[in-house]
Amino acid sequence: MRIYEPPYLLAPSREPRLRKPLQLDDARITLLGPIVVMSSWTYIQKQQKGYYVLLLILQTGVTGVFTSYDLILFYVFFELTLIPMY
């Protein structure tokens, strides 16, 4: 017997078919990361460490947005993506 039922937006998705497009987006973002690093390898001359740290934070945030199951995690990861884009 469940005592507490979480609100609809905070509950995990009960429809696995709705998660498929988001998983495909997550795979695309994961595969796009090394392509971005290789294409910017010779272009970035100054502050390389900061650039790659911000790129990794951005990729982590976008991956978290697509794999989050509730509204709170979605908000946290969405806000995390705004830091490197600023």
Protein backbone atom coordinates (compact mmCIF):
# COMPACT_ATOMS: atom_id res chain seq x y z
CA MET A 1 0.00 0.00 0.00
CA ARG A 2 1.40 3.35 -1.04
CA ILE A 3 0.91 6.16 1.40
CA TYR A 4 2.09 8.97 -0.85
CA GLU A 5 1.33 9.26 -4.55
CA PRO A 6 3.65 11.78 -6.29
CA PRO A 7 2.08 14.39 -8.55
CA TYR A 8 1.84 13.55 -12.24
CA LEU A 9 4.73 15.76 -13.37
CA LEU A 10 7.04 14.39 -10.70
CA ALA A 11 6.20 10.72 -11.25
CA PRO A 12 8.30 8.58 -13.58
CA SER A 13 6.89 8.05 -17.04
CA ARG A 14 4.63 5.02 -17.16
CA GLU A 15 4.66 4.98 -20.94
CA PRO A 16 7.95 3.50 -22.20
CA ARG A 17 7.09 4.37 -25.79
CA LEU A 18 7.24 8.06 -24.90
CA ARG A 19 10.85 7.67 -23.79
CA LYS A 20 12.13 6.33 -27.14
CA PRO A 21 12.47 9.67 -28.98
CA LEU A 22 14.24 11.17 -26.00
CA GLN A 23 16.65 8.24 -25.85
CA LEU A 24 17.42 8.75 -29.53
CA ASP A 25 18.13 12.42 -28.85
CA ASP A 26 20.41 11.39 -26.01
CA ALA A 27 22.33 9.07 -28.34
CA ARG A 28 22.69 11.87 -30.88
CA ILE A 29 24.03 14.28 -28.27
CA THR A 30 26.48 11.67 -26.98
CA LEU A 31 27.78 10.98 -30.50
CA LEU A 32 27.94 14.67 -31.34
CA GLY A 33 30.28 15.44 -28.41
CA PRO A 34 33.45 13.87 -29.86
CA ILE A 35 32.67 15.37 -33.27
CA VAL A 36 32.54 18.85 -31.72
CA VAL A 37 35.81 18.26 -29.87
CA MET A 38 37.59 17.04 -33.01
CA SER A 39 36.29 19.93 -35.11
CA SER A 40 37.39 22.54 -32.57
CA TRP A 41 40.75 20.93 -31.82
CA THR A 42 42.82 23.35 -33.94
CA TYR A 43 40.40 26.30 -33.87
CA ILE A 44 40.53 27.00 -30.12
CA GLN A 45 43.92 28.56 -29.35
CA LYS A 46 43.38 30.37 -26.04
CA GLN A 47 41.76 29.11 -22.85
CA GLN A 48 41.43 25.55 -24.10
CA LYS A 49 40.91 24.11 -20.64
CA GLY A 50 37.97 26.41 -19.90
CA TYR A 51 36.42 25.77 -23.30
CA TYR A 52 36.49 21.99 -22.91
CA VAL A 53 35.23 22.17 -19.32
CA LEU A 54 32.26 24.29 -20.41
CA LEU A 55 31.64 21.98 -23.35
CA LEU A 56 31.58 18.97 -21.04
CA ILE A 57 29.22 20.74 -18.62
CA LEU A 58 26.94 21.61 -21.55
CA GLN A 59 26.91 18.04 -22.81
CA THR A 60 26.21 16.73 -19.31
CA GLY A 61 23.32 19.16 -18.90
CA VAL A 62 21.75 18.34 -22.26
CA THR A 63 22.08 14.62 -21.62
CA GLY A 64 20.46 15.12 -18.22
CA VAL A 65 17.59 17.07 -19.76
CA PHE A 66 16.80 14.22 -22.15
CA THR A 67 17.12 11.47 -19.54
CA SER A 68 15.39 13.13 -16.58
CA TYR A 69 12.27 11.38 -15.37
CA ASP A 70 10.76 14.13 -13.26
CA LEU A 71 10.25 17.85 -13.37
CA ILE A 72 12.76 18.70 -10.65
CA LEU A 73 15.67 16.94 -12.38
CA PHE A 74 14.62 18.47 -15.69
CA TYR A 75 14.77 21.93 -14.11
CA VAL A 76 18.20 21.28 -12.53
CA PHE A 77 19.73 20.02 -15.77
CA PHE A 78 18.10 22.75 -17.82
CA GLU A 79 19.59 25.38 -15.54
CA LEU A 80 22.95 23.57 -15.80
CA THR A 81 22.87 24.02 -19.58
CA LEU A 82 22.40 27.77 -19.20
CA ILE A 83 25.73 28.24 -17.38
CA PRO A 84 28.07 27.39 -20.30
CA MET A 85 25.82 29.10 -22.85
CA TYR A 86 26.10 32.41 -21.03
